[in-house]
Amino acid sequence: MEKFIVHLFSYSKESKIYINAYNGSKFDHYEFVKKLNKMYSECNDSDDGFKLDKLVLNNGAILKATVGNLDCFDISKHITG
């Protein structure tokens, strides 16, 4: 997971990257956010690259998490019908 996150951060800041997982708000995005927090706490630089910018929760489910130009988005929580 760490290599995947570093790879995502290798893209330019001008491009927006979306990480979508259908029903990922209860598992996939939690694992991603936990790993980001661990990487941020282990980072010795003053760089805030792995710092979580925005976190939107609803009843314990991650609806949206933003880190720099990366967005985690659970499409199942935003589709009705």
C-alpha atoms as a PDB file:
ATOM      1  CA  MET A   1       0.000   0.000   0.000  1.00  0.00           C
ATOM      2  CA  GLU A   2       2.885   2.341   0.775  1.00  0.00           C
ATOM      3  CA  LYS A   3       4.336   1.986  -2.735  1.00  0.00           C
ATOM      4  CA  PHE A   4       0.890   2.664  -4.213  1.00  0.00           C
ATOM      5  CA  ILE A   5       0.490   5.858  -2.167  1.00  0.00           C
ATOM      6  CA  VAL A   6       3.969   7.100  -3.100  1.00  0.00           C
ATOM      7  CA  HIS A   7       3.165   6.381  -6.753  1.00  0.00           C
ATOM      8  CA  LEU A   8      -0.066   8.417  -6.521  1.00  0.00           C
ATOM      9  CA  PHE A   9       1.851  11.340  -5.039  1.00  0.00           C
ATOM     10  CA  SER A  10       4.312  11.193  -7.943  1.00  0.00           C
ATOM     11  CA  TYR A  11       1.694  12.705 -10.279  1.00  0.00           C
ATOM     12  CA  SER A  12       1.850  16.442 -10.799  1.00  0.00           C
ATOM     13  CA  LYS A  13      -0.088  18.700  -8.467  1.00  0.00           C
ATOM     14  CA  GLU A  14      -2.046  20.070 -11.440  1.00  0.00           C
ATOM     15  CA  SER A  15      -3.831  16.771 -11.997  1.00  0.00           C
ATOM     16  CA  LYS A  16      -6.661  15.655  -9.732  1.00  0.00           C
ATOM     17  CA  ILE A  17      -6.640  11.974  -8.782  1.00  0.00           C
ATOM     18  CA  TYR A  18      -9.806  10.190  -7.656  1.00  0.00           C
ATOM     19  CA  ILE A  19      -9.730   6.936  -5.738  1.00  0.00           C
ATOM     20  CA  ASN A  20     -13.175   5.387  -6.071  1.00  0.00           C
ATOM     21  CA  ALA A  21     -14.343   2.230  -4.383  1.00  0.00           C
ATOM     22  CA  TYR A  22     -17.940   1.125  -4.475  1.00  0.00           C
ATOM     23  CA  ASN A  23     -18.868   0.884  -0.786  1.00  0.00           C
ATOM     24  CA  GLY A  24     -15.250   1.727   0.072  1.00  0.00           C
ATOM     25  CA  SER A  25     -16.308   4.056   2.881  1.00  0.00           C
ATOM     26  CA  LYS A  26     -16.505   1.171   5.334  1.00  0.00           C
ATOM     27  CA  PHE A  27     -13.265  -0.636   4.514  1.00  0.00           C
ATOM     28  CA  ASP A  28     -11.056   0.381   1.564  1.00  0.00           C
ATOM     29  CA  HIS A  29     -10.881   4.078   2.330  1.00  0.00           C
ATOM     30  CA  TYR A  30     -10.360   3.393   6.047  1.00  0.00           C
ATOM     31  CA  GLU A  31      -7.265   1.341   5.232  1.00  0.00           C
ATOM     32  CA  PHE A  32      -6.031   4.050   2.870  1.00  0.00           C
ATOM     33  CA  VAL A  33      -6.542   6.823   5.460  1.00  0.00           C
ATOM     34  CA  LYS A  34      -4.933   4.741   8.232  1.00  0.00           C
ATOM     35  CA  LYS A  35      -1.857   4.152   6.067  1.00  0.00           C
ATOM     36  CA  LEU A  36      -1.670   7.847   5.138  1.00  0.00           C
ATOM     37  CA  ASN A  37      -1.811   8.834   8.815  1.00  0.00           C
ATOM     38  CA  LYS A  38       0.926   6.339   9.644  1.00  0.00           C
ATOM     39  CA  MET A  39       3.113   7.599   6.793  1.00  0.00           C
ATOM     40  CA  TYR A  40       2.534  11.208   7.893  1.00  0.00           C
ATOM     41  CA  SER A  41       3.473  10.437  11.496  1.00  0.00           C
ATOM     42  CA  GLU A  42       6.653   8.638  10.364  1.00  0.00           C
ATOM     43  CA  CYS A  43       7.650  11.430   7.990  1.00  0.00           C
ATOM     44  CA  ASN A  44      10.663  13.318   9.348  1.00  0.00           C
ATOM     45  CA  ASP A  45      10.423  16.170   6.835  1.00  0.00           C
ATOM     46  CA  SER A  46       8.460  19.342   7.346  1.00  0.00           C
ATOM     47  CA  ASP A  47       6.614  18.302   4.181  1.00  0.00           C
ATOM     48  CA  ASP A  48       2.880  17.928   4.725  1.00  0.00           C
ATOM     49  CA  GLY A  49       2.489  15.741   1.646  1.00  0.00           C
ATOM     50  CA  PHE A  50       0.749  12.880   3.466  1.00  0.00           C
ATOM     51  CA  LYS A  51      -1.319  15.086   5.785  1.00  0.00           C
ATOM     52  CA  LEU A  52      -5.081  14.583   5.559  1.00  0.00           C
ATOM     53  CA  ASP A  53      -6.638  17.849   4.354  1.00  0.00           C
ATOM     54  CA  LYS A  54     -10.329  17.013   4.559  1.00  0.00           C
ATOM     55  CA  LEU A  55     -12.362  14.166   6.022  1.00  0.00           C
ATOM     56  CA  VAL A  56     -16.146  13.884   5.691  1.00  0.00           C
ATOM     57  CA  LEU A  57     -17.774  11.210   7.869  1.00  0.00           C
ATOM     58  CA  ASN A  58     -21.372  10.071   8.220  1.00  0.00           C
ATOM     59  CA  ASN A  59     -22.224   7.451  10.865  1.00  0.00           C
ATOM     60  CA  GLY A  60     -18.611   6.245  10.834  1.00  0.00           C
ATOM     61  CA  ALA A  61     -18.435   5.908   7.044  1.00  0.00           C
ATOM     62  CA  ILE A  62     -15.869   7.941   5.122  1.00  0.00           C
ATOM     63  CA  LEU A  63     -17.816   9.814   2.458  1.00  0.00           C
ATOM     64  CA  LYS A  64     -14.814  11.791   1.246  1.00  0.00           C
ATOM     65  CA  ALA A  65     -11.166  12.114   2.215  1.00  0.00           C
ATOM     66  CA  THR A  66      -8.796  14.604   0.593  1.00  0.00           C
ATOM     67  CA  VAL A  67      -5.001  14.674   0.688  1.00  0.00           C
ATOM     68  CA  GLY A  68      -3.404  17.219  -1.611  1.00  0.00           C
ATOM     69  CA  ASN A  69      -4.595  16.372  -5.114  1.00  0.00           C
ATOM     70  CA  LEU A  70      -5.977  12.938  -4.097  1.00  0.00           C
ATOM     71  CA  ASP A  71      -9.670  12.406  -3.360  1.00  0.00           C
ATOM     72  CA  CYS A  72     -11.193   9.235  -1.926  1.00  0.00           C
ATOM     73  CA  PHE A  73     -14.838   9.065  -2.901  1.00  0.00           C
ATOM     74  CA  ASP A  74     -17.447   6.384  -2.196  1.00  0.00           C
ATOM     75  CA  ILE A  75     -19.789   6.434  -5.143  1.00  0.00           C
ATOM     76  CA  SER A  76     -22.347   4.129  -3.473  1.00  0.00           C
ATOM     77  CA  LYS A  77     -23.044   6.791  -0.828  1.00  0.00           C
ATOM     78  CA  HIS A  78     -23.890   9.391  -3.458  1.00  0.00           C
ATOM     79  CA  ILE A  79     -26.104   7.377  -5.823  1.00  0.00           C
ATOM     80  CA  THR A  80     -29.809   7.116  -5.137  1.00  0.00           C
ATOM     81  CA  GLY A  81     -32.287   4.738  -6.675  1.00  0.00           C
END
